[in-house]
């Protein structure tokens, strides 16, 4: 394996290029079977990439990268996970399937741009003087294990961070703002605490 491929950022960028090509191929595909195959490959690549970033790369960047940059990356992943799950449950003949692939493609392109831009997560990781070669080896090993798991059990179902209205309200209250439904309860109305 070339020396550059051992670097964590080089490995992650190679994943980015691969999924960009898959999205491009999907956009050109006409046959349903070809779209089905490409959609499966997109879902697999994104699922594995998400897991290795969230389990290994992002935690290694904590302290060396801005927390807001990492928080945004996690939230962008969560949006992608929702669409990946919908694509996995659907079929190219379904209503909105092509639209979901297109929106996912746009979201992923934005995410890639944010990670790779000057001052983005990858630049912050380099500046933090992380051992990117060691991280690259960890990412490669975890990726290999995940691909073997997918062959045996199907795609992993990564956690999607969601927050209920109550949790958001508690966070706002902790910062000094009123929680959703607070006025209603103060006025004696029945305030509901529905989740999002």
N, C-alpha and C. Protein backbone atom coordinates (compact mmCIF):
# COMPACT_ATOMS: atom_id res chain seq x y z
N UNK A 1 0.85 -1.17 0.00
CA UNK A 1 0.00 0.00 0.00
C UNK A 1 0.89 1.23 0.00
N UNK A 2 0.58 2.28 -0.83
CA UNK A 2 1.41 3.47 -0.86
C UNK A 2 1.43 4.17 0.49
N UNK A 3 2.54 4.85 0.80
CA UNK A 3 2.69 5.51 2.09
C UNK A 3 1.57 6.52 2.34
N UNK A 4 1.18 7.27 1.32
CA UNK A 4 0.14 8.28 1.50
C UNK A 4 -1.19 7.67 1.92
N UNK A 5 -1.46 6.44 1.48
CA UNK A 5 -2.72 5.79 1.81
C UNK A 5 -2.81 5.43 3.29
N UNK A 6 -1.68 5.40 4.00
CA UNK A 6 -1.70 5.10 5.43
C UNK A 6 -2.18 6.29 6.25
N UNK A 7 -2.04 7.48 5.71
CA UNK A 7 -2.46 8.69 6.39
C UNK A 7 -3.99 8.70 6.50
N UNK A 8 -4.51 9.01 7.70
CA UNK A 8 -5.96 8.99 7.92
C UNK A 8 -6.69 9.92 6.97
N UNK A 9 -6.15 11.10 6.76
CA UNK A 9 -6.84 12.06 5.90
C UNK A 9 -6.83 11.59 4.45
N UNK A 10 -5.74 11.00 4.00
CA UNK A 10 -5.70 10.47 2.64
C UNK A 10 -6.73 9.36 2.47
N UNK A 11 -6.88 8.50 3.48
CA UNK A 11 -7.86 7.42 3.42
C UNK A 11 -9.28 7.99 3.36
N UNK A 12 -9.57 8.98 4.20
CA UNK A 12 -10.90 9.57 4.22
C UNK A 12 -11.20 10.32 2.92
N UNK A 13 -10.19 11.00 2.38
CA UNK A 13 -10.39 11.69 1.10
C UNK A 13 -10.63 10.68 -0.04
N UNK A 14 -9.96 9.56 0.00
CA UNK A 14 -10.19 8.52 -1.01
C UNK A 14 -11.63 8.02 -0.93
N UNK A 15 -12.14 7.87 0.28
CA UNK A 15 -13.56 7.50 0.45
C UNK A 15 -14.45 8.57 -0.17
N UNK A 16 -14.11 9.83 0.06
CA UNK A 16 -14.91 10.94 -0.49
C UNK A 16 -14.97 10.87 -2.01
N UNK A 17 -13.80 10.66 -2.64
CA UNK A 17 -13.76 10.60 -4.10
C UNK A 17 -14.59 9.43 -4.62
N UNK A 18 -14.52 8.29 -3.91
CA UNK A 18 -15.26 7.11 -4.34
C UNK A 18 -16.76 7.36 -4.31
N UNK A 19 -17.24 7.95 -3.23
CA UNK A 19 -18.69 8.16 -3.12
C UNK A 19 -19.15 9.26 -4.08
N UNK A 20 -18.31 10.25 -4.32
CA UNK A 20 -18.67 11.27 -5.32
C UNK A 20 -18.85 10.62 -6.69
N UNK A 21 -17.98 9.70 -7.05
CA UNK A 21 -18.09 8.99 -8.33
C UNK A 21 -19.36 8.15 -8.37
N UNK A 22 -19.68 7.48 -7.26
CA UNK A 22 -20.90 6.67 -7.22
C UNK A 22 -22.14 7.55 -7.43
N UNK A 23 -22.18 8.71 -6.79
CA UNK A 23 -23.30 9.63 -6.99
C UNK A 23 -23.38 10.09 -8.45
N UNK A 24 -22.24 10.39 -9.04
CA UNK A 24 -22.20 10.81 -10.43
C UNK A 24 -22.71 9.70 -11.35
N UNK A 25 -22.27 8.47 -11.09
CA UNK A 25 -22.73 7.32 -11.87
C UNK A 25 -24.24 7.12 -11.72
N UNK A 26 -24.74 7.30 -10.49
CA UNK A 26 -26.19 7.14 -10.26
C UNK A 26 -26.97 8.17 -11.07
N UNK A 27 -26.49 9.41 -11.08
CA UNK A 27 -27.18 10.48 -11.81
C UNK A 27 -27.28 10.18 -13.31
N UNK A 28 -26.31 9.44 -13.83
CA UNK A 28 -26.30 9.09 -15.26
C UNK A 28 -27.05 7.80 -15.57
N UNK A 29 -27.30 6.99 -14.55
CA UNK A 29 -27.91 5.67 -14.77
C UNK A 29 -29.36 5.80 -15.23
N UNK A 30 -29.75 4.92 -16.11
CA UNK A 30 -31.13 4.90 -16.63
C UNK A 30 -31.88 3.65 -16.17
N UNK A 31 -31.19 2.51 -16.14
CA UNK A 31 -31.83 1.25 -15.79
C UNK A 31 -32.03 1.13 -14.28
N UNK A 32 -33.18 0.61 -13.90
CA UNK A 32 -33.53 0.45 -12.49
C UNK A 32 -32.51 -0.45 -11.78
N UNK A 33 -32.11 -1.55 -12.42
CA UNK A 33 -31.15 -2.48 -11.78
C UNK A 33 -29.82 -1.80 -11.53
N UNK A 34 -29.37 -0.98 -12.46
CA UNK A 34 -28.10 -0.24 -12.28
C UNK A 34 -28.23 0.75 -11.13
N UNK A 35 -29.36 1.45 -11.06
CA UNK A 35 -29.60 2.39 -9.96
C UNK A 35 -29.63 1.65 -8.61
N UNK A 36 -30.28 0.48 -8.61
CA UNK A 36 -30.36 -0.31 -7.37
C UNK A 36 -28.96 -0.69 -6.89
N UNK A 37 -28.13 -1.15 -7.80
CA UNK A 37 -26.76 -1.55 -7.45
C UNK A 37 -25.96 -0.34 -6.94
N UNK A 38 -26.06 0.77 -7.63
CA UNK A 38 -25.32 1.97 -7.22
C UNK A 38 -25.82 2.50 -5.89
N UNK A 39 -27.14 2.49 -5.68
CA UNK A 39 -27.69 2.96 -4.40
C UNK A 39 -27.19 2.10 -3.25
N UNK A 40 -27.12 0.78 -3.46
CA UNK A 40 -26.58 -0.11 -2.43
C UNK A 40 -25.13 0.21 -2.13
N UNK A 41 -24.35 0.45 -3.19
CA UNK A 41 -22.93 0.79 -3.00
C UNK A 41 -22.78 2.12 -2.26
N UNK A 42 -23.60 3.10 -2.61
CA UNK A 42 -23.57 4.40 -1.93
C UNK A 42 -23.87 4.22 -0.45
N UNK A 43 -24.93 3.47 -0.16
CA UNK A 43 -25.32 3.25 1.24
C UNK A 43 -24.22 2.53 2.02
N UNK A 44 -23.60 1.54 1.40
CA UNK A 44 -22.52 0.80 2.06
C UNK A 44 -21.33 1.72 2.33
N UNK A 45 -20.89 2.44 1.30
CA UNK A 45 -19.74 3.33 1.47
C UNK A 45 -19.99 4.39 2.54
N UNK A 46 -21.17 5.00 2.51
CA UNK A 46 -21.46 6.05 3.49
C UNK A 46 -21.60 5.48 4.90
N UNK A 47 -22.20 4.31 5.02
CA UNK A 47 -22.37 3.71 6.35
C UNK A 47 -21.01 3.39 6.97
N UNK A 48 -20.14 2.77 6.20
CA UNK A 48 -18.81 2.42 6.71
C UNK A 48 -18.00 3.68 7.03
N UNK A 49 -18.03 4.63 6.12
CA UNK A 49 -17.28 5.88 6.31
C UNK A 49 -17.75 6.60 7.58
N UNK A 50 -19.05 6.65 7.76
CA UNK A 50 -19.61 7.31 8.94
C UNK A 50 -19.14 6.64 10.23
N UNK A 51 -19.17 5.34 10.25
CA UNK A 51 -18.77 4.61 11.46
C UNK A 51 -17.29 4.85 11.77
N UNK A 52 -16.42 4.76 10.76
CA UNK A 52 -14.99 4.92 11.07
C UNK A 52 -14.66 6.35 11.49
N UNK A 53 -15.36 7.32 10.90
CA UNK A 53 -15.13 8.70 11.34
C UNK A 53 -15.63 8.90 12.77
N UNK A 54 -16.84 8.43 13.06
CA UNK A 54 -17.43 8.67 14.38
C UNK A 54 -16.76 7.87 15.49
N UNK A 55 -16.31 6.66 15.19
CA UNK A 55 -15.67 5.84 16.22
C UNK A 55 -14.20 6.18 16.43
N UNK A 56 -13.51 6.59 15.37
CA UNK A 56 -12.06 6.73 15.47
C UNK A 56 -11.58 8.15 15.18
N UNK A 57 -11.92 8.68 14.01
CA UNK A 57 -11.33 9.95 13.60
C UNK A 57 -11.85 11.14 14.41
N UNK A 58 -13.15 11.29 14.53
CA UNK A 58 -13.69 12.44 15.27
C UNK A 58 -13.24 12.45 16.73
N UNK A 59 -13.32 11.31 17.45
CA UNK A 59 -12.83 11.34 18.83
C UNK A 59 -11.35 11.73 18.93
N UNK A 60 -10.54 11.28 17.97
CA UNK A 60 -9.11 11.64 17.98
C UNK A 60 -8.93 13.14 17.77
N UNK A 61 -9.86 13.76 17.06
CA UNK A 61 -9.77 15.20 16.77
C UNK A 61 -10.25 16.07 17.93
N UNK A 62 -11.00 15.51 18.87
CA UNK A 62 -11.48 16.29 20.02
C UNK A 62 -10.29 16.88 20.75
N UNK A 63 -10.37 18.15 21.03
CA UNK A 63 -9.27 18.83 21.69
C UNK A 63 -8.33 19.50 20.71
N UNK A 64 -8.23 18.95 19.50
CA UNK A 64 -7.38 19.55 18.48
C UNK A 64 -8.16 20.29 17.43
N UNK A 65 -9.45 19.98 17.33
CA UNK A 65 -10.34 20.65 16.38
C UNK A 65 -11.41 21.40 17.18
N UNK A 66 -12.01 22.39 16.55
CA UNK A 66 -13.08 23.14 17.22
C UNK A 66 -14.25 22.20 17.49
N UNK A 67 -14.80 22.31 18.71
CA UNK A 67 -15.96 21.49 19.05
C UNK A 67 -17.11 21.75 18.10
N UNK A 68 -17.30 23.00 17.70
CA UNK A 68 -18.42 23.31 16.79
C UNK A 68 -18.24 22.61 15.45
N UNK A 69 -17.02 22.49 14.97
CA UNK A 69 -16.75 21.80 13.71
C UNK A 69 -17.15 20.32 13.84
N UNK A 70 -16.76 19.70 14.93
CA UNK A 70 -17.10 18.28 15.14
C UNK A 70 -18.59 18.11 15.36
N UNK A 71 -19.21 19.00 16.12
CA UNK A 71 -20.66 18.90 16.35
C UNK A 71 -21.42 18.97 15.04
N UNK A 72 -21.02 19.90 14.17
CA UNK A 72 -21.68 20.02 12.87
C UNK A 72 -21.47 18.77 12.03
N UNK A 73 -20.28 18.19 12.09
CA UNK A 73 -20.01 16.97 11.33
C UNK A 73 -20.91 15.83 11.79
N UNK A 74 -21.09 15.69 13.12
CA UNK A 74 -21.97 14.65 13.64
C UNK A 74 -23.41 14.87 13.17
N UNK A 75 -23.87 16.12 13.20
CA UNK A 75 -25.25 16.41 12.79
C UNK A 75 -25.42 16.16 11.29
N UNK A 76 -24.42 16.53 10.50
CA UNK A 76 -24.49 16.25 9.06
C UNK A 76 -24.54 14.74 8.81
N UNK A 77 -23.78 13.98 9.58
CA UNK A 77 -23.84 12.51 9.47
C UNK A 77 -25.24 12.01 9.78
N UNK A 78 -25.85 12.57 10.82
CA UNK A 78 -27.18 12.10 11.22
C UNK A 78 -28.21 12.31 10.11
N UNK A 79 -28.13 13.45 9.44
CA UNK A 79 -29.04 13.68 8.31
C UNK A 79 -28.83 12.66 7.21
N UNK A 80 -27.57 12.35 6.95
CA UNK A 80 -27.25 11.35 5.92
C UNK A 80 -27.75 9.97 6.34
N UNK A 81 -27.62 9.64 7.61
CA UNK A 81 -28.06 8.32 8.09
C UNK A 81 -29.56 8.11 7.87
N UNK A 82 -30.33 9.17 8.05
CA UNK A 82 -31.78 9.07 7.85
C UNK A 82 -32.07 8.73 6.39
N UNK A 83 -31.43 9.46 5.48
CA UNK A 83 -31.65 9.19 4.05
C UNK A 83 -31.11 7.82 3.65
N UNK A 84 -29.97 7.42 4.17
CA UNK A 84 -29.42 6.09 3.87
C UNK A 84 -30.41 5.01 4.30
N UNK A 85 -30.98 5.15 5.50
CA UNK A 85 -31.96 4.17 5.99
C UNK A 85 -33.18 4.12 5.08
N UNK A 86 -33.62 5.28 4.60
CA UNK A 86 -34.78 5.31 3.70
C UNK A 86 -34.44 4.67 2.35
N UNK A 87 -33.23 4.92 1.86
CA UNK A 87 -32.83 4.29 0.60
C UNK A 87 -32.71 2.78 0.75
N UNK A 88 -32.17 2.34 1.86
CA UNK A 88 -32.04 0.91 2.11
C UNK A 88 -33.40 0.23 2.18
N UNK A 89 -34.40 0.93 2.68
CA UNK A 89 -35.74 0.35 2.81
C UNK A 89 -36.54 0.49 1.52
N UNK A 90 -36.04 1.29 0.59
CA UNK A 90 -36.79 1.55 -0.64
C UNK A 90 -36.19 0.89 -1.86
N UNK A 91 -36.66 1.35 -3.01
CA UNK A 91 -36.23 0.81 -4.30
C UNK A 91 -36.29 1.93 -5.33
N UNK A 92 -35.41 1.91 -6.33
CA UNK A 92 -35.40 2.97 -7.33
C UNK A 92 -36.74 3.21 -8.04
N UNK A 93 -37.64 2.28 -8.02
CA UNK A 93 -38.96 2.48 -8.61
C UNK A 93 -39.91 3.24 -7.70
N UNK A 94 -39.54 3.43 -6.44
CA UNK A 94 -40.41 4.11 -5.47
C UNK A 94 -40.47 5.62 -5.73
N UNK A 95 -41.61 6.21 -5.35
CA UNK A 95 -41.72 7.67 -5.39
C UNK A 95 -40.62 8.28 -4.55
N UNK A 96 -40.03 9.33 -5.01
CA UNK A 96 -39.03 10.14 -4.30
C UNK A 96 -37.67 9.47 -4.13
N UNK A 97 -37.49 8.26 -4.62
CA UNK A 97 -36.20 7.58 -4.42
C UNK A 97 -35.07 8.37 -5.08
N UNK A 98 -35.25 8.72 -6.35
CA UNK A 98 -34.22 9.50 -7.04
C UNK A 98 -33.98 10.84 -6.35
N UNK A 99 -35.05 11.47 -5.87
CA UNK A 99 -34.93 12.75 -5.16
C UNK A 99 -34.13 12.57 -3.87
N UNK A 100 -34.33 11.47 -3.17
CA UNK A 100 -33.58 11.21 -1.94
C UNK A 100 -32.10 11.01 -2.24
N UNK A 101 -31.80 10.31 -3.34
CA UNK A 101 -30.40 10.13 -3.72
C UNK A 101 -29.78 11.48 -4.05
N UNK A 102 -30.51 12.32 -4.77
CA UNK A 102 -30.00 13.64 -5.14
C UNK A 102 -29.75 14.51 -3.91
N UNK A 103 -30.70 14.54 -2.98
CA UNK A 103 -30.54 15.34 -1.76
C UNK A 103 -29.38 14.79 -0.93
N UNK A 104 -29.28 13.47 -0.83
CA UNK A 104 -28.17 12.87 -0.10
C UNK A 104 -26.84 13.27 -0.75
N UNK A 105 -26.79 13.23 -2.08
CA UNK A 105 -25.59 13.63 -2.80
C UNK A 105 -25.21 15.07 -2.48
N UNK A 106 -26.19 15.96 -2.50
CA UNK A 106 -25.92 17.37 -2.20
C UNK A 106 -25.43 17.54 -0.76
N UNK A 107 -26.08 16.83 0.17
CA UNK A 107 -25.67 16.92 1.58
C UNK A 107 -24.24 16.40 1.77
N UNK A 108 -23.92 15.30 1.11
CA UNK A 108 -22.59 14.71 1.25
C UNK A 108 -21.55 15.62 0.61
N UNK A 109 -21.85 16.19 -0.53
CA UNK A 109 -20.90 17.12 -1.17
C UNK A 109 -20.62 18.31 -0.26
N UNK A 110 -21.65 18.81 0.41
CA UNK A 110 -21.46 19.91 1.36
C UNK A 110 -20.57 19.46 2.52
N UNK A 111 -20.86 18.28 3.05
CA UNK A 111 -20.09 17.74 4.18
C UNK A 111 -18.62 17.57 3.79
N UNK A 112 -18.38 17.04 2.61
CA UNK A 112 -17.01 16.85 2.12
C UNK A 112 -16.30 18.20 2.01
N UNK A 113 -17.00 19.16 1.43
CA UNK A 113 -16.42 20.50 1.27
C UNK A 113 -16.03 21.08 2.63
N UNK A 114 -16.90 20.91 3.62
CA UNK A 114 -16.62 21.42 4.97
C UNK A 114 -15.40 20.74 5.59
N UNK A 115 -15.29 19.44 5.41
CA UNK A 115 -14.16 18.72 6.00
C UNK A 115 -12.84 19.06 5.30
N UNK A 116 -12.89 19.22 3.97
CA UNK A 116 -11.66 19.37 3.20
C UNK A 116 -11.22 20.82 2.96
N UNK A 117 -12.07 21.78 3.24
CA UNK A 117 -11.73 23.18 2.95
C UNK A 117 -10.58 23.65 3.83
N UNK A 118 -9.87 24.70 3.40
CA UNK A 118 -8.83 25.29 4.27
C UNK A 118 -9.49 25.73 5.59
N UNK A 119 -8.91 25.33 6.69
CA UNK A 119 -9.48 25.63 8.00
C UNK A 119 -10.54 24.65 8.45
N UNK A 120 -10.89 23.70 7.58
CA UNK A 120 -11.89 22.69 7.92
C UNK A 120 -11.32 21.62 8.84
N UNK A 121 -12.11 20.59 9.06
CA UNK A 121 -11.73 19.55 10.01
C UNK A 121 -10.39 18.90 9.68
N UNK A 122 -10.15 18.59 8.41
CA UNK A 122 -8.89 17.93 8.06
C UNK A 122 -7.70 18.86 8.32
N UNK A 123 -7.85 20.13 8.00
CA UNK A 123 -6.78 21.10 8.27
C UNK A 123 -6.56 21.24 9.78
N UNK A 124 -7.64 21.25 10.53
CA UNK A 124 -7.52 21.34 11.99
C UNK A 124 -6.83 20.10 12.56
N UNK A 125 -7.13 18.94 11.99
CA UNK A 125 -6.49 17.69 12.44
C UNK A 125 -5.00 17.73 12.16
N UNK A 126 -4.62 18.20 10.99
CA UNK A 126 -3.18 18.31 10.66
C UNK A 126 -2.49 19.29 11.60
N UNK A 127 -3.14 20.39 11.88
CA UNK A 127 -2.57 21.41 12.75
C UNK A 127 -2.42 20.90 14.19
N UNK A 128 -3.31 19.99 14.59
CA UNK A 128 -3.29 19.44 15.96
C UNK A 128 -2.15 18.46 16.15
N UNK A 129 -1.44 18.16 15.08
CA UNK A 129 -0.29 17.27 15.15
C UNK A 129 -0.68 15.87 15.64
N UNK A 130 -1.79 15.37 15.12
CA UNK A 130 -2.21 14.00 15.43
C UNK A 130 -1.31 13.02 14.70
N UNK A 131 -1.22 11.81 15.21
CA UNK A 131 -0.48 10.77 14.51
C UNK A 131 -1.40 10.20 13.43
N UNK A 132 -1.40 10.86 12.29
CA UNK A 132 -2.33 10.51 11.21
C UNK A 132 -2.01 9.16 10.59
N UNK A 133 -0.75 8.72 10.65
CA UNK A 133 -0.41 7.39 10.14
C UNK A 133 -1.04 6.31 11.02
N UNK A 134 -0.92 6.46 12.34
CA UNK A 134 -1.52 5.49 13.26
C UNK A 134 -3.04 5.49 13.13
N UNK A 135 -3.63 6.69 13.01
CA UNK A 135 -5.08 6.78 12.81
C UNK A 135 -5.49 6.11 11.50
N UNK A 136 -4.68 6.29 10.47
CA UNK A 136 -4.97 5.67 9.18
C UNK A 136 -5.00 4.15 9.29
N UNK A 137 -4.06 3.59 10.04
CA UNK A 137 -4.04 2.14 10.23
C UNK A 137 -5.29 1.68 10.98
N UNK A 138 -5.69 2.44 12.00
CA UNK A 138 -6.91 2.10 12.75
C UNK A 138 -8.14 2.18 11.85
N UNK A 139 -8.23 3.25 11.06
CA UNK A 139 -9.38 3.42 10.16
C UNK A 139 -9.45 2.27 9.15
N UNK A 140 -8.30 1.92 8.58
CA UNK A 140 -8.25 0.85 7.59
C UNK A 140 -8.69 -0.48 8.19
N UNK A 141 -8.21 -0.79 9.39
CA UNK A 141 -8.57 -2.05 10.04
C UNK A 141 -10.06 -2.10 10.37
N UNK A 142 -10.59 -0.99 10.89
CA UNK A 142 -12.02 -0.95 11.25
C UNK A 142 -12.88 -1.04 9.99
N UNK A 143 -12.44 -0.37 8.93
CA UNK A 143 -13.17 -0.41 7.66
C UNK A 143 -13.22 -1.85 7.14
N UNK A 144 -12.09 -2.54 7.18
CA UNK A 144 -12.04 -3.92 6.72
C UNK A 144 -13.01 -4.79 7.53
N UNK A 145 -13.01 -4.62 8.85
CA UNK A 145 -13.91 -5.40 9.71
C UNK A 145 -15.37 -5.10 9.40
N UNK A 146 -15.69 -3.83 9.18
CA UNK A 146 -17.07 -3.46 8.86
C UNK A 146 -17.52 -4.05 7.53
N UNK A 147 -16.65 -4.02 6.54
CA UNK A 147 -17.01 -4.59 5.24
C UNK A 147 -17.25 -6.09 5.35
N UNK A 148 -16.46 -6.78 6.18
CA UNK A 148 -16.69 -8.21 6.41
C UNK A 148 -18.01 -8.42 7.13
N UNK A 149 -18.32 -7.55 8.08
CA UNK A 149 -19.59 -7.63 8.82
C UNK A 149 -20.76 -7.41 7.87
N UNK A 150 -20.63 -6.45 6.97
CA UNK A 150 -21.70 -6.18 6.01
C UNK A 150 -21.93 -7.39 5.12
N UNK A 151 -20.85 -8.03 4.69
CA UNK A 151 -20.98 -9.23 3.87
C UNK A 151 -21.77 -10.32 4.61
N UNK A 152 -21.57 -10.39 5.92
CA UNK A 152 -22.22 -11.43 6.71
C UNK A 152 -23.62 -11.02 7.19
N UNK A 153 -23.77 -9.78 7.66
CA UNK A 153 -24.99 -9.37 8.35
C UNK A 153 -25.75 -8.21 7.72
N UNK A 154 -25.23 -7.60 6.69
CA UNK A 154 -25.87 -6.41 6.13
C UNK A 154 -25.29 -5.15 6.75
N UNK A 155 -25.84 -4.02 6.35
CA UNK A 155 -25.31 -2.72 6.81
C UNK A 155 -25.47 -2.54 8.30
N UNK A 156 -24.47 -1.91 8.94
CA UNK A 156 -24.63 -1.57 10.36
C UNK A 156 -25.66 -0.47 10.49
N UNK A 157 -26.34 -0.43 11.57
CA UNK A 157 -27.33 0.62 11.83
C UNK A 157 -26.76 1.57 12.88
N UNK A 158 -26.02 2.59 12.42
CA UNK A 158 -25.40 3.50 13.37
C UNK A 158 -26.43 4.35 14.11
N UNK A 159 -26.05 4.81 15.28
CA UNK A 159 -26.90 5.65 16.11
C UNK A 159 -27.14 6.98 15.40
N UNK A 160 -28.39 7.44 15.49
CA UNK A 160 -28.74 8.77 15.00
C UNK A 160 -29.10 9.60 16.21
N UNK A 161 -28.37 10.69 16.42
CA UNK A 161 -28.63 11.55 17.55
C UNK A 161 -29.88 12.37 17.26
N UNK A 162 -30.93 12.21 18.07
CA UNK A 162 -32.12 13.03 17.96
C UNK A 162 -32.43 13.59 19.33
N UNK A 163 -33.07 14.71 19.34
CA UNK A 163 -33.36 15.38 20.60
C UNK A 163 -34.84 15.70 20.66
N UNK A 164 -35.45 15.36 21.78
CA UNK A 164 -36.86 15.67 21.96
C UNK A 164 -37.01 17.15 22.28
N UNK A 165 -38.21 17.65 22.13
CA UNK A 165 -38.50 19.04 22.47
C UNK A 165 -38.16 19.29 23.94
N UNK A 166 -38.41 18.31 24.78
CA UNK A 166 -38.11 18.44 26.21
C UNK A 166 -36.61 18.64 26.42
N UNK A 167 -35.77 17.83 25.74
CA UNK A 167 -34.32 17.96 25.89
C UNK A 167 -33.84 19.31 25.37
N UNK A 168 -34.40 19.76 24.25
CA UNK A 168 -34.03 21.07 23.71
C UNK A 168 -34.44 22.15 24.69
N UNK A 169 -35.63 22.01 25.24
CA UNK A 169 -36.12 22.98 26.23
C UNK A 169 -35.23 23.03 27.46
N UNK A 170 -34.79 21.88 27.93
CA UNK A 170 -33.90 21.85 29.10
C UNK A 170 -32.59 22.55 28.79
N UNK A 171 -32.07 22.36 27.60
CA UNK A 171 -30.83 23.01 27.21
C UNK A 171 -31.02 24.52 27.16
N UNK A 172 -32.15 24.98 26.61
CA UNK A 172 -32.42 26.42 26.56
C UNK A 172 -32.58 26.98 27.97
N UNK A 173 -33.29 26.25 28.83
CA UNK A 173 -33.50 26.69 30.20
C UNK A 173 -32.15 26.81 30.93
N UNK A 174 -31.27 25.86 30.68
CA UNK A 174 -29.95 25.91 31.32
C UNK A 174 -29.17 27.14 30.87
N UNK A 175 -29.47 27.64 29.66
CA UNK A 175 -28.80 28.84 29.17
C UNK A 175 -29.57 30.10 29.51
N UNK A 176 -30.74 29.98 30.20
CA UNK A 176 -31.47 31.16 30.63
C UNK A 176 -32.72 31.46 29.82
N UNK A 177 -33.03 30.66 28.82
CA UNK A 177 -34.24 30.87 28.03
C UNK A 177 -35.35 29.99 28.57
N UNK A 178 -36.59 30.32 28.25
CA UNK A 178 -37.72 29.50 28.69
C UNK A 178 -37.82 28.24 27.85
N UNK A 179 -38.18 27.16 28.49
CA UNK A 179 -38.38 25.90 27.78
C UNK A 179 -39.68 25.95 27.00
N UNK A 180 -39.79 25.18 25.90
CA UNK A 180 -41.05 25.13 25.16
C UNK A 180 -42.16 24.67 26.09
N UNK A 181 -43.30 25.32 26.03
CA UNK A 181 -44.43 24.95 26.87
C UNK A 181 -44.39 25.55 28.26
N UNK A 182 -43.33 26.28 28.61
CA UNK A 182 -43.21 26.84 29.96
C UNK A 182 -44.31 27.84 30.25
N UNK A 183 -44.65 28.73 29.29
CA UNK A 183 -45.68 29.73 29.49
C UNK A 183 -47.03 29.06 29.73
N UNK A 184 -47.31 28.03 28.98
CA UNK A 184 -48.59 27.34 29.11
C UNK A 184 -48.74 26.75 30.50
N UNK A 185 -47.71 26.14 31.02
CA UNK A 185 -47.80 25.55 32.36
C UNK A 185 -47.91 26.63 33.42
N UNK A 186 -47.23 27.77 33.23
CA UNK A 186 -47.32 28.85 34.20
C UNK A 186 -48.71 29.45 34.24
N UNK A 187 -49.37 29.47 33.09
CA UNK A 187 -50.71 30.03 33.01
C UNK A 187 -51.78 29.03 33.39
N UNK A 188 -51.38 27.83 33.79
CA UNK A 188 -52.32 26.81 34.21
C UNK A 188 -52.88 25.99 33.06
N UNK A 189 -52.37 26.22 31.86
CA UNK A 189 -52.82 25.43 30.72
C UNK A 189 -52.12 24.07 30.75
N UNK A 190 -52.68 23.13 30.06
CA UNK A 190 -52.04 21.81 29.97
C UNK A 190 -50.96 21.88 28.92
N UNK A 191 -49.70 21.88 29.36
CA UNK A 191 -48.58 21.90 28.43
C UNK A 191 -48.17 20.49 28.08
N UNK A 192 -48.06 20.22 26.81
CA UNK A 192 -47.63 18.88 26.42
C UNK A 192 -46.15 18.88 26.13
N UNK A 193 -45.53 17.77 26.31
CA UNK A 193 -44.10 17.63 26.06
C UNK A 193 -43.91 16.56 24.99
N UNK A 194 -44.36 16.88 23.81
CA UNK A 194 -44.22 15.93 22.70
C UNK A 194 -42.78 15.85 22.26
N UNK A 195 -42.42 14.70 21.77
CA UNK A 195 -41.06 14.57 21.26
C UNK A 195 -41.05 14.85 19.77
N UNK A 196 -39.88 15.24 19.29
CA UNK A 196 -39.71 15.55 17.87
C UNK A 196 -39.42 14.28 17.13
